Amino acid sequence: MTKRTVSLFLILALTAFSALLLVSCSGSADGAPEGMKLISGEDADYLFYVPSGSYWIGDVKTGATTAYYSNTDTSNVSVMDFTVNATDYTAEDWWNSFQADFKNTYRDFTVVSSESAVLDGVDALRTVFTGKMTVGVDPSTGEDVEREYKFMQISAIKKGTLSAPKAYVFTYTSLNDGETYEAHIDDVEKMVENFKFN
């Protein structure tokens, strides 16, 4: 998967969550941690859970595992994975290779923080960043409507014993309006805590 493809996917996913009602496609809660429901598909090589009894609605039709909060609050989470070619590739390498694309995609792109993390026992990089993008046109003025988003992205490179390494990218996206991102961060942290590789 190319950098441009991943960037395009992120833009399309955000736009789709903002514009469309997605149909729920959540998995069985059998074996799920207490208070969680499985949303990753059967073909995924990871288990991705969201809090049960919440508004998080899962979807696997986009080529990644995604969930959005509601029709009015399009905060969303996604997990993407793709094979990497270098055996010594790191999460920092992944971030460095895509950062320029993010700068080109989001106006006023700003890294808020970047720190080491762990995703199900695998070393990872947690990066929080913000950026603005046009989400439509105001019909009364004809001017672009712009929104600022806040992202929390955890990238991990899992090296297989018999297969090529894979990059896993967990992304949380929400409006950066001073309250929406913060309103869901506890749910998102539970998702990260309960994420499991198969």
N, C-alpha and C. Protein backbone atom coordinates (compact mmCIF):
# COMPACT_ATOMS: atom_id res chain seq x y z
N MET A 1 0.85 -1.17 0.00
CA MET A 1 0.00 0.00 0.00
C MET A 1 0.90 1.23 0.00
N THR A 2 0.66 2.14 -0.90
CA THR A 2 1.51 3.33 -1.00
C THR A 2 1.10 4.38 0.02
N LYS A 3 2.01 5.32 0.23
CA LYS A 3 1.72 6.43 1.15
C LYS A 3 0.51 7.22 0.67
N ARG A 4 0.45 7.45 -0.61
CA ARG A 4 -0.66 8.22 -1.16
C ARG A 4 -1.99 7.47 -0.95
N THR A 5 -1.96 6.13 -1.11
CA THR A 5 -3.16 5.34 -0.91
C THR A 5 -3.64 5.44 0.53
N VAL A 6 -2.72 5.35 1.48
CA VAL A 6 -3.09 5.46 2.90
C VAL A 6 -3.64 6.85 3.19
N SER A 7 -2.98 7.89 2.68
CA SER A 7 -3.47 9.26 2.89
C SER A 7 -4.84 9.44 2.28
N LEU A 8 -5.03 8.93 1.06
CA LEU A 8 -6.32 9.03 0.40
C LEU A 8 -7.38 8.29 1.21
N PHE A 9 -7.02 7.10 1.73
CA PHE A 9 -7.97 6.35 2.54
C PHE A 9 -8.39 7.16 3.76
N LEU A 10 -7.44 7.78 4.45
CA LEU A 10 -7.76 8.56 5.64
C LEU A 10 -8.71 9.70 5.30
N ILE A 11 -8.47 10.38 4.19
CA ILE A 11 -9.33 11.48 3.77
C ILE A 11 -10.72 10.95 3.42
N LEU A 12 -10.77 9.87 2.65
CA LEU A 12 -12.07 9.31 2.25
C LEU A 12 -12.84 8.79 3.45
N ALA A 13 -12.16 8.15 4.39
CA ALA A 13 -12.84 7.64 5.58
C ALA A 13 -13.44 8.77 6.38
N LEU A 14 -12.67 9.84 6.57
CA LEU A 14 -13.17 10.98 7.32
C LEU A 14 -14.36 11.61 6.62
N THR A 15 -14.27 11.76 5.31
CA THR A 15 -15.37 12.33 4.55
C THR A 15 -16.60 11.43 4.60
N ALA A 16 -16.39 10.13 4.46
CA ALA A 16 -17.51 9.19 4.50
C ALA A 16 -18.21 9.23 5.84
N PHE A 17 -17.43 9.29 6.91
CA PHE A 17 -18.04 9.34 8.24
C PHE A 17 -18.82 10.64 8.42
N SER A 18 -18.37 11.70 7.78
CA SER A 18 -19.05 12.98 7.92
C SER A 18 -20.31 13.05 7.08
N ALA A 19 -20.39 12.27 5.99
CA ALA A 19 -21.47 12.44 5.04
C ALA A 19 -22.50 11.31 5.01
N LEU A 20 -22.11 10.12 5.46
CA LEU A 20 -23.00 8.97 5.26
C LEU A 20 -23.38 8.28 6.55
N LEU A 21 -24.53 7.67 6.53
CA LEU A 21 -24.94 6.79 7.62
C LEU A 21 -24.44 5.40 7.27
N LEU A 22 -23.53 4.87 8.11
CA LEU A 22 -23.00 3.54 7.86
C LEU A 22 -23.86 2.51 8.57
N VAL A 23 -23.95 1.35 7.99
CA VAL A 23 -24.76 0.29 8.56
C VAL A 23 -23.93 -0.49 9.56
N SER A 24 -24.50 -0.76 10.68
CA SER A 24 -23.80 -1.50 11.74
C SER A 24 -23.47 -2.90 11.26
N CYS A 25 -22.25 -3.32 11.58
CA CYS A 25 -21.80 -4.64 11.17
C CYS A 25 -20.91 -5.19 12.27
N SER A 26 -21.39 -5.16 13.49
CA SER A 26 -20.53 -5.55 14.59
C SER A 26 -20.53 -7.06 14.76
N GLY A 27 -19.43 -7.55 15.29
CA GLY A 27 -19.25 -8.98 15.48
C GLY A 27 -19.88 -9.45 16.77
N SER A 28 -19.73 -10.73 17.03
CA SER A 28 -20.26 -11.35 18.22
C SER A 28 -19.49 -10.93 19.45
N ALA A 29 -20.20 -10.80 20.56
CA ALA A 29 -19.54 -10.43 21.81
C ALA A 29 -18.93 -11.65 22.49
N ASP A 30 -19.11 -12.86 21.94
CA ASP A 30 -18.53 -14.05 22.54
C ASP A 30 -17.02 -13.91 22.64
N GLY A 31 -16.52 -14.08 23.83
CA GLY A 31 -15.08 -13.98 24.04
C GLY A 31 -14.56 -12.57 24.17
N ALA A 32 -15.43 -11.59 24.03
CA ALA A 32 -15.00 -10.20 24.14
C ALA A 32 -14.73 -9.86 25.60
N PRO A 33 -13.77 -8.96 25.84
CA PRO A 33 -13.55 -8.51 27.22
C PRO A 33 -14.83 -7.90 27.78
N GLU A 34 -14.98 -7.95 29.09
CA GLU A 34 -16.17 -7.41 29.72
C GLU A 34 -16.40 -5.96 29.32
N GLY A 35 -17.63 -5.66 28.92
CA GLY A 35 -18.00 -4.30 28.54
C GLY A 35 -17.59 -3.92 27.13
N MET A 36 -17.12 -4.88 26.33
CA MET A 36 -16.65 -4.59 24.97
C MET A 36 -17.38 -5.48 23.97
N LYS A 37 -17.39 -5.05 22.69
CA LYS A 37 -17.93 -5.88 21.61
C LYS A 37 -16.92 -5.89 20.47
N LEU A 38 -16.82 -7.03 19.80
CA LEU A 38 -15.89 -7.21 18.70
C LEU A 38 -16.44 -6.57 17.44
N ILE A 39 -15.59 -5.79 16.73
CA ILE A 39 -16.04 -5.21 15.45
C ILE A 39 -15.15 -5.62 14.28
N SER A 40 -13.97 -6.19 14.55
CA SER A 40 -13.11 -6.59 13.43
C SER A 40 -13.71 -7.80 12.73
N GLY A 41 -13.46 -7.88 11.44
CA GLY A 41 -14.00 -8.97 10.63
C GLY A 41 -13.26 -10.27 10.84
N GLU A 42 -13.84 -11.34 10.35
CA GLU A 42 -13.25 -12.68 10.51
C GLU A 42 -11.89 -12.79 9.83
N ASP A 43 -11.66 -12.03 8.77
CA ASP A 43 -10.41 -12.13 8.03
C ASP A 43 -9.28 -11.32 8.66
N ALA A 44 -9.59 -10.47 9.61
CA ALA A 44 -8.56 -9.63 10.23
C ALA A 44 -7.63 -10.49 11.08
N ASP A 45 -6.37 -10.12 11.12
CA ASP A 45 -5.42 -10.85 11.96
C ASP A 45 -5.22 -10.14 13.30
N TYR A 46 -6.27 -9.45 13.73
CA TYR A 46 -6.29 -8.78 15.02
C TYR A 46 -7.73 -8.75 15.52
N LEU A 47 -7.89 -8.51 16.80
CA LEU A 47 -9.21 -8.38 17.42
C LEU A 47 -9.35 -6.94 17.88
N PHE A 48 -10.35 -6.25 17.35
CA PHE A 48 -10.57 -4.84 17.65
C PHE A 48 -11.94 -4.72 18.30
N TYR A 49 -11.95 -4.26 19.54
CA TYR A 49 -13.17 -4.13 20.33
C TYR A 49 -13.50 -2.67 20.59
N VAL A 50 -14.80 -2.39 20.67
CA VAL A 50 -15.27 -1.08 21.10
C VAL A 50 -16.20 -1.30 22.29
N PRO A 51 -16.40 -0.28 23.11
CA PRO A 51 -17.29 -0.45 24.26
C PRO A 51 -18.71 -0.85 23.83
N SER A 52 -19.25 -1.87 24.49
CA SER A 52 -20.64 -2.26 24.21
C SER A 52 -21.55 -1.31 24.97
N GLY A 53 -22.78 -1.24 24.55
CA GLY A 53 -23.72 -0.36 25.20
C GLY A 53 -23.42 1.10 24.92
N SER A 54 -22.55 1.37 23.95
CA SER A 54 -22.23 2.74 23.57
C SER A 54 -22.72 2.98 22.15
N TYR A 55 -22.49 4.16 21.68
CA TYR A 55 -22.93 4.50 20.33
C TYR A 55 -21.98 3.99 19.24
N TRP A 56 -20.80 3.52 19.59
CA TRP A 56 -19.82 3.13 18.57
C TRP A 56 -20.40 2.07 17.65
N ILE A 57 -20.43 2.37 16.35
CA ILE A 57 -21.02 1.50 15.34
C ILE A 57 -19.89 1.02 14.42
N GLY A 58 -19.70 -0.29 14.34
CA GLY A 58 -18.61 -0.85 13.56
C GLY A 58 -18.94 -1.02 12.10
N ASP A 59 -17.87 -1.02 11.29
CA ASP A 59 -18.02 -1.21 9.85
C ASP A 59 -16.72 -1.78 9.31
N VAL A 60 -16.80 -2.80 8.46
CA VAL A 60 -15.60 -3.37 7.85
C VAL A 60 -15.65 -3.29 6.33
N LYS A 61 -16.57 -2.51 5.77
CA LYS A 61 -16.73 -2.45 4.32
C LYS A 61 -15.72 -1.54 3.63
N THR A 62 -14.96 -0.76 4.38
CA THR A 62 -14.07 0.22 3.77
C THR A 62 -12.68 -0.33 3.48
N GLY A 63 -12.43 -1.60 3.79
CA GLY A 63 -11.09 -2.16 3.60
C GLY A 63 -10.26 -2.07 4.88
N ALA A 64 -10.81 -1.46 5.88
CA ALA A 64 -10.18 -1.38 7.20
C ALA A 64 -11.30 -1.60 8.22
N THR A 65 -10.92 -1.83 9.45
CA THR A 65 -11.94 -1.93 10.50
C THR A 65 -12.17 -0.54 11.04
N THR A 66 -13.41 -0.09 10.99
CA THR A 66 -13.73 1.27 11.43
C THR A 66 -14.96 1.26 12.33
N ALA A 67 -15.08 2.29 13.12
CA ALA A 67 -16.30 2.52 13.90
C ALA A 67 -16.46 4.02 14.03
N TYR A 68 -17.70 4.47 13.98
CA TYR A 68 -17.97 5.88 14.19
C TYR A 68 -18.93 6.01 15.35
N TYR A 69 -19.00 7.18 15.96
CA TYR A 69 -19.78 7.34 17.18
C TYR A 69 -21.27 7.49 16.91
N SER A 70 -21.66 8.41 16.05
CA SER A 70 -23.08 8.58 15.75
C SER A 70 -23.24 9.40 14.48
N ASN A 71 -24.46 9.58 14.04
CA ASN A 71 -24.71 10.37 12.84
C ASN A 71 -24.43 11.85 13.06
N THR A 72 -24.57 12.31 14.29
CA THR A 72 -24.35 13.73 14.58
C THR A 72 -22.95 14.00 15.10
N ASP A 73 -22.30 13.01 15.67
CA ASP A 73 -20.92 13.13 16.15
C ASP A 73 -20.12 12.10 15.38
N THR A 74 -19.43 12.53 14.35
CA THR A 74 -18.74 11.62 13.44
C THR A 74 -17.34 11.24 13.91
N SER A 75 -17.05 11.40 15.19
CA SER A 75 -15.79 10.90 15.73
C SER A 75 -15.66 9.45 15.32
N ASN A 76 -14.46 9.03 14.94
CA ASN A 76 -14.30 7.68 14.45
C ASN A 76 -12.95 7.10 14.81
N VAL A 77 -12.89 5.78 14.77
CA VAL A 77 -11.66 5.04 14.98
C VAL A 77 -11.49 4.08 13.82
N SER A 78 -10.24 3.76 13.51
CA SER A 78 -10.00 2.80 12.45
C SER A 78 -8.70 2.05 12.73
N VAL A 79 -8.62 0.85 12.20
CA VAL A 79 -7.38 0.08 12.22
C VAL A 79 -7.11 -0.35 10.80
N MET A 80 -5.93 -0.01 10.31
CA MET A 80 -5.48 -0.44 8.99
C MET A 80 -4.22 -1.25 9.17
N ASP A 81 -4.00 -2.20 8.29
CA ASP A 81 -2.75 -2.94 8.32
C ASP A 81 -2.27 -3.16 6.90
N PHE A 82 -0.95 -3.19 6.75
CA PHE A 82 -0.38 -3.45 5.44
C PHE A 82 1.04 -3.99 5.60
N THR A 83 1.45 -4.76 4.64
CA THR A 83 2.76 -5.38 4.66
C THR A 83 3.84 -4.34 4.37
N VAL A 84 4.94 -4.44 5.10
CA VAL A 84 6.09 -3.57 4.84
C VAL A 84 7.22 -4.43 4.27
N ASN A 85 8.05 -3.82 3.47
CA ASN A 85 9.07 -4.58 2.75
C ASN A 85 10.37 -4.75 3.52
N ALA A 86 10.70 -3.84 4.40
CA ALA A 86 11.98 -3.91 5.12
C ALA A 86 11.80 -4.59 6.47
N THR A 87 12.68 -5.51 6.79
CA THR A 87 12.57 -6.22 8.06
C THR A 87 12.98 -5.35 9.25
N ASP A 88 13.70 -4.26 8.98
CA ASP A 88 14.13 -3.38 10.07
C ASP A 88 13.26 -2.12 10.16
N TYR A 89 12.10 -2.12 9.53
CA TYR A 89 11.17 -0.99 9.50
C TYR A 89 10.59 -0.79 10.90
N THR A 90 10.51 0.45 11.35
CA THR A 90 9.98 0.76 12.69
C THR A 90 8.75 1.65 12.59
N ALA A 91 8.06 1.80 13.71
CA ALA A 91 6.91 2.71 13.75
C ALA A 91 7.34 4.14 13.45
N GLU A 92 8.52 4.52 13.90
CA GLU A 92 9.05 5.86 13.60
C GLU A 92 9.28 6.03 12.11
N ASP A 93 9.77 4.96 11.45
CA ASP A 93 9.95 5.00 10.00
C ASP A 93 8.60 5.22 9.31
N TRP A 94 7.58 4.51 9.79
CA TRP A 94 6.25 4.67 9.20
C TRP A 94 5.81 6.12 9.32
N TRP A 95 5.89 6.68 10.53
CA TRP A 95 5.45 8.06 10.75
C TRP A 95 6.24 9.02 9.87
N ASN A 96 7.54 8.87 9.83
CA ASN A 96 8.37 9.77 9.02
C ASN A 96 8.03 9.68 7.54
N SER A 97 7.65 8.51 7.07
CA SER A 97 7.35 8.35 5.65
C SER A 97 5.99 8.96 5.27
N PHE A 98 5.08 9.09 6.23
CA PHE A 98 3.75 9.63 5.94
C PHE A 98 3.54 11.07 6.40
N GLN A 99 4.42 11.59 7.21
CA GLN A 99 4.23 12.92 7.76
C GLN A 99 4.10 13.99 6.67
N ALA A 100 4.88 13.90 5.62
CA ALA A 100 4.79 14.88 4.53
C ALA A 100 3.41 14.84 3.86
N ASP A 101 2.85 13.64 3.71
CA ASP A 101 1.50 13.52 3.13
C ASP A 101 0.46 14.18 4.02
N PHE A 102 0.60 14.01 5.33
CA PHE A 102 -0.33 14.65 6.26
C PHE A 102 -0.20 16.17 6.15
N LYS A 103 1.02 16.66 6.04
CA LYS A 103 1.23 18.11 5.91
C LYS A 103 0.58 18.64 4.64
N ASN A 104 0.60 17.84 3.57
CA ASN A 104 -0.01 18.26 2.31
C ASN A 104 -1.53 18.12 2.33
N THR A 105 -2.06 17.27 3.18
CA THR A 105 -3.49 17.01 3.24
C THR A 105 -4.22 17.99 4.15
N TYR A 106 -3.62 18.27 5.31
CA TYR A 106 -4.28 19.08 6.32
C TYR A 106 -3.62 20.45 6.43
N ARG A 107 -4.44 21.49 6.32
CA ARG A 107 -3.92 22.85 6.51
C ARG A 107 -3.62 23.03 7.99
N ASP A 108 -2.60 23.78 8.30
CA ASP A 108 -2.18 24.03 9.68
C ASP A 108 -1.88 22.73 10.43
N PHE A 109 -1.31 21.76 9.74
CA PHE A 109 -0.92 20.49 10.35
C PHE A 109 0.06 20.77 11.49
N THR A 110 -0.24 20.24 12.69
CA THR A 110 0.61 20.46 13.86
C THR A 110 0.70 19.18 14.67
N VAL A 111 1.91 18.75 14.97
CA VAL A 111 2.10 17.61 15.87
C VAL A 111 2.01 18.13 17.30
N VAL A 112 1.07 17.58 18.06
CA VAL A 112 0.86 17.99 19.45
C VAL A 112 1.79 17.22 20.37
N SER A 113 1.92 15.91 20.12
CA SER A 113 2.82 15.07 20.92
C SER A 113 3.18 13.82 20.15
N SER A 114 4.30 13.24 20.50
CA SER A 114 4.74 11.99 19.90
C SER A 114 5.56 11.26 20.95
N GLU A 115 5.16 10.02 21.26
CA GLU A 115 5.83 9.28 22.33
C GLU A 115 5.76 7.79 22.07
N SER A 116 6.66 7.07 22.71
CA SER A 116 6.65 5.61 22.64
C SER A 116 5.38 5.07 23.25
N ALA A 117 4.90 3.97 22.72
CA ALA A 117 3.69 3.32 23.22
C ALA A 117 3.84 1.82 23.01
N VAL A 118 2.83 1.09 23.42
CA VAL A 118 2.79 -0.36 23.22
C VAL A 118 1.38 -0.71 22.74
N LEU A 119 1.30 -1.55 21.73
CA LEU A 119 0.02 -2.05 21.23
C LEU A 119 0.06 -3.56 21.35
N ASP A 120 -0.65 -4.11 22.31
CA ASP A 120 -0.67 -5.55 22.60
C ASP A 120 0.74 -6.14 22.67
N GLY A 121 1.60 -5.49 23.40
CA GLY A 121 2.95 -5.99 23.63
C GLY A 121 3.96 -5.65 22.55
N VAL A 122 3.53 -4.98 21.49
CA VAL A 122 4.41 -4.61 20.39
C VAL A 122 4.77 -3.13 20.54
N ASP A 123 6.07 -2.82 20.45
CA ASP A 123 6.50 -1.42 20.52
C ASP A 123 5.79 -0.61 19.44
N ALA A 124 5.38 0.58 19.83
CA ALA A 124 4.59 1.43 18.92
C ALA A 124 4.96 2.88 19.14
N LEU A 125 4.39 3.73 18.32
CA LEU A 125 4.55 5.17 18.42
C LEU A 125 3.16 5.79 18.48
N ARG A 126 2.90 6.61 19.51
CA ARG A 126 1.63 7.31 19.65
C ARG A 126 1.87 8.77 19.28
N THR A 127 1.18 9.23 18.25
CA THR A 127 1.33 10.61 17.79
C THR A 127 -0.04 11.28 17.79
N VAL A 128 -0.12 12.44 18.40
CA VAL A 128 -1.34 13.24 18.39
C VAL A 128 -1.05 14.45 17.52
N PHE A 129 -1.96 14.72 16.56
CA PHE A 129 -1.76 15.87 15.68
C PHE A 129 -3.09 16.50 15.34
N THR A 130 -3.04 17.72 14.86
CA THR A 130 -4.24 18.44 14.45
C THR A 130 -4.06 18.94 13.02
N GLY A 131 -5.17 19.22 12.38
CA GLY A 131 -5.13 19.77 11.04
C GLY A 131 -6.52 20.17 10.59
N LYS A 132 -6.56 21.10 9.67
CA LYS A 132 -7.84 21.59 9.14
C LYS A 132 -8.03 21.07 7.72
N MET A 133 -9.31 20.84 7.39
CA MET A 133 -9.63 20.45 6.02
C MET A 133 -11.01 20.97 5.65
N THR A 134 -11.20 21.17 4.36
CA THR A 134 -12.48 21.61 3.84
C THR A 134 -13.42 20.42 3.82
N VAL A 135 -14.63 20.62 4.36
CA VAL A 135 -15.59 19.52 4.44
C VAL A 135 -16.84 19.77 3.59
N GLY A 136 -16.89 20.90 2.93
CA GLY A 136 -18.05 21.21 2.09
C GLY A 136 -18.08 22.68 1.74
N VAL A 137 -19.21 23.09 1.19
CA VAL A 137 -19.40 24.48 0.78
C VAL A 137 -20.68 24.99 1.43
N ASP A 138 -20.62 26.17 1.99
CA ASP A 138 -21.79 26.81 2.59
C ASP A 138 -22.69 27.26 1.45
N PRO A 139 -23.90 26.68 1.35
CA PRO A 139 -24.78 27.02 0.22
C PRO A 139 -25.23 28.48 0.21
N SER A 140 -25.27 29.11 1.37
CA SER A 140 -25.73 30.50 1.40
C SER A 140 -24.65 31.49 0.98
N THR A 141 -23.38 31.13 1.18
CA THR A 141 -22.29 32.06 0.83
C THR A 141 -21.43 31.56 -0.31
N GLY A 142 -21.48 30.24 -0.58
CA GLY A 142 -20.62 29.67 -1.61
C GLY A 142 -19.18 29.50 -1.14
N GLU A 143 -18.92 29.78 0.13
CA GLU A 143 -17.56 29.65 0.65
C GLU A 143 -17.32 28.26 1.23
N ASP A 144 -16.06 27.85 1.19
CA ASP A 144 -15.68 26.57 1.76
C ASP A 144 -15.96 26.55 3.26
N VAL A 145 -16.41 25.39 3.74
CA VAL A 145 -16.59 25.17 5.17
C VAL A 145 -15.38 24.34 5.63
N GLU A 146 -14.68 24.85 6.60
CA GLU A 146 -13.47 24.19 7.07
C GLU A 146 -13.66 23.75 8.52
N ARG A 147 -13.13 22.59 8.85
CA ARG A 147 -13.18 22.08 10.22
C ARG A 147 -11.76 21.70 10.64
N GLU A 148 -11.50 21.85 11.94
CA GLU A 148 -10.23 21.39 12.48
C GLU A 148 -10.46 20.07 13.19
N TYR A 149 -9.60 19.10 12.90
CA TYR A 149 -9.70 17.77 13.48
C TYR A 149 -8.48 17.50 14.35
N LYS A 150 -8.69 16.61 15.31
CA LYS A 150 -7.59 16.14 16.16
C LYS A 150 -7.50 14.63 15.99
N PHE A 151 -6.28 14.16 15.82
CA PHE A 151 -6.03 12.75 15.55
C PHE A 151 -5.11 12.18 16.63
N MET A 152 -5.38 10.95 17.02
CA MET A 152 -4.44 10.19 17.84
C MET A 152 -4.16 8.92 17.06
N GLN A 153 -2.89 8.75 16.70
CA GLN A 153 -2.53 7.63 15.86
C GLN A 153 -1.47 6.79 16.57
N ILE A 154 -1.72 5.48 16.63
CA ILE A 154 -0.74 4.56 17.20
C ILE A 154 -0.32 3.63 16.08
N SER A 155 0.96 3.66 15.77
CA SER A 155 1.48 2.80 14.71
C SER A 155 2.44 1.79 15.32
N ALA A 156 2.31 0.54 14.89
CA ALA A 156 3.16 -0.54 15.38
C ALA A 156 3.56 -1.41 14.20
N ILE A 157 4.77 -1.92 14.26
CA ILE A 157 5.24 -2.85 13.24
C ILE A 157 5.39 -4.22 13.91
N LYS A 158 4.58 -5.18 13.46
CA LYS A 158 4.64 -6.53 14.04
C LYS A 158 5.39 -7.42 13.06
N LYS A 159 6.45 -7.98 13.56
CA LYS A 159 7.28 -8.85 12.74
C LYS A 159 6.79 -10.28 12.87
N GLY A 160 6.47 -10.91 11.75
CA GLY A 160 6.01 -12.29 11.75
C GLY A 160 7.18 -13.25 11.73
N THR A 161 6.97 -14.45 12.26
CA THR A 161 8.05 -15.45 12.25
C THR A 161 8.20 -16.07 10.87
N LEU A 162 7.10 -16.25 10.16
CA LEU A 162 7.16 -16.85 8.82
C LEU A 162 6.67 -15.91 7.73
N SER A 163 6.24 -14.72 8.11
CA SER A 163 5.70 -13.79 7.12
C SER A 163 6.40 -12.45 7.22
N ALA A 164 6.18 -11.62 6.22
CA ALA A 164 6.78 -10.29 6.19
C ALA A 164 6.19 -9.44 7.32
N PRO A 165 6.94 -8.45 7.80
CA PRO A 165 6.40 -7.56 8.84
C PRO A 165 5.18 -6.80 8.32
N LYS A 166 4.29 -6.46 9.25
CA LYS A 166 3.11 -5.68 8.90
C LYS A 166 3.05 -4.45 9.79
N ALA A 167 2.61 -3.36 9.18
CA ALA A 167 2.34 -2.13 9.93
C ALA A 167 0.86 -2.14 10.30
N TYR A 168 0.59 -1.80 11.55
CA TYR A 168 -0.78 -1.66 12.05
C TYR A 168 -0.92 -0.23 12.51
N VAL A 169 -1.97 0.44 12.03
CA VAL A 169 -2.16 1.85 12.36
C VAL A 169 -3.58 2.03 12.93
N PHE A 170 -3.62 2.36 14.22
CA PHE A 170 -4.86 2.66 14.91
C PHE A 170 -5.01 4.17 14.90
N THR A 171 -6.14 4.69 14.40
CA THR A 171 -6.35 6.13 14.32
C THR A 171 -7.67 6.52 14.95
N TYR A 172 -7.63 7.49 15.83
CA TYR A 172 -8.83 8.11 16.39
C TYR A 172 -8.91 9.52 15.83
N THR A 173 -10.05 9.87 15.26
CA THR A 173 -10.26 11.18 14.64
C THR A 173 -11.51 11.81 15.23
N SER A 174 -11.40 13.09 15.58
CA SER A 174 -12.55 13.81 16.13
C SER A 174 -12.39 15.29 15.85
N LEU A 175 -13.49 16.01 15.96
CA LEU A 175 -13.41 17.47 15.85
C LEU A 175 -12.53 18.01 16.97
N ASN A 176 -11.74 19.00 16.63
CA ASN A 176 -10.90 19.66 17.63
C ASN A 176 -11.60 20.96 18.04
N ASP A 177 -12.70 20.79 18.78
CA ASP A 177 -13.50 21.94 19.20
C ASP A 177 -13.42 22.19 20.70
N GLY A 178 -12.49 21.53 21.36
CA GLY A 178 -12.32 21.73 22.80
C GLY A 178 -13.12 20.79 23.66
N GLU A 179 -14.01 19.99 23.05
CA GLU A 179 -14.78 19.05 23.87
C GLU A 179 -15.03 17.70 23.22
N THR A 180 -15.23 17.64 21.91
CA THR A 180 -15.61 16.38 21.26
C THR A 180 -14.51 15.33 21.38
N TYR A 181 -13.28 15.69 21.05
CA TYR A 181 -12.15 14.74 21.15
C TYR A 181 -12.05 14.21 22.57
N GLU A 182 -12.10 15.10 23.54
CA GLU A 182 -11.95 14.73 24.94
C GLU A 182 -13.11 13.88 25.43
N ALA A 183 -14.29 14.07 24.87
CA ALA A 183 -15.48 13.33 25.31
C ALA A 183 -15.35 11.83 25.07
N HIS A 184 -14.54 11.42 24.09
CA HIS A 184 -14.44 10.01 23.72
C HIS A 184 -13.10 9.38 24.08
N ILE A 185 -12.18 10.14 24.64
CA ILE A 185 -10.83 9.61 24.84
C ILE A 185 -10.81 8.41 25.77
N ASP A 186 -11.67 8.36 26.79
CA ASP A 186 -11.71 7.19 27.68
C ASP A 186 -12.12 5.94 26.91
N ASP A 187 -13.14 6.05 26.06
CA ASP A 187 -13.55 4.92 25.22
C ASP A 187 -12.40 4.48 24.32
N VAL A 188 -11.72 5.44 23.73
CA VAL A 188 -10.63 5.13 22.80
C VAL A 188 -9.49 4.43 23.54
N GLU A 189 -9.17 4.88 24.73
CA GLU A 189 -8.11 4.23 25.51
C GLU A 189 -8.49 2.79 25.84
N LYS A 190 -9.78 2.51 26.09
CA LYS A 190 -10.23 1.13 26.33
C LYS A 190 -10.05 0.29 25.07
N MET A 191 -10.31 0.90 23.91
CA MET A 191 -10.13 0.18 22.64
C MET A 191 -8.66 -0.22 22.47
N VAL A 192 -7.76 0.72 22.74
CA VAL A 192 -6.32 0.45 22.61
C VAL A 192 -5.91 -0.63 23.60
N GLU A 193 -6.37 -0.51 24.83
CA GLU A 193 -6.02 -1.47 25.89
C GLU A 193 -6.47 -2.89 25.56
N ASN A 194 -7.60 -3.02 24.87
CA ASN A 194 -8.17 -4.35 24.57
C ASN A 194 -7.83 -4.83 23.16
N PHE A 195 -7.08 -4.08 22.39
CA PHE A 195 -6.68 -4.51 21.04
C PHE A 195 -5.76 -5.71 21.16
N LYS A 196 -6.00 -6.74 20.35
CA LYS A 196 -5.17 -7.97 20.40
C LYS A 196 -4.79 -8.41 19.01
N PHE A 197 -3.53 -8.81 18.86
CA PHE A 197 -3.09 -9.46 17.63
C PHE A 197 -3.46 -10.94 17.71
N ASN A 198 -3.87 -11.54 16.57
CA ASN A 198 -4.14 -12.99 16.53
C ASN A 198 -2.84 -13.75 16.40
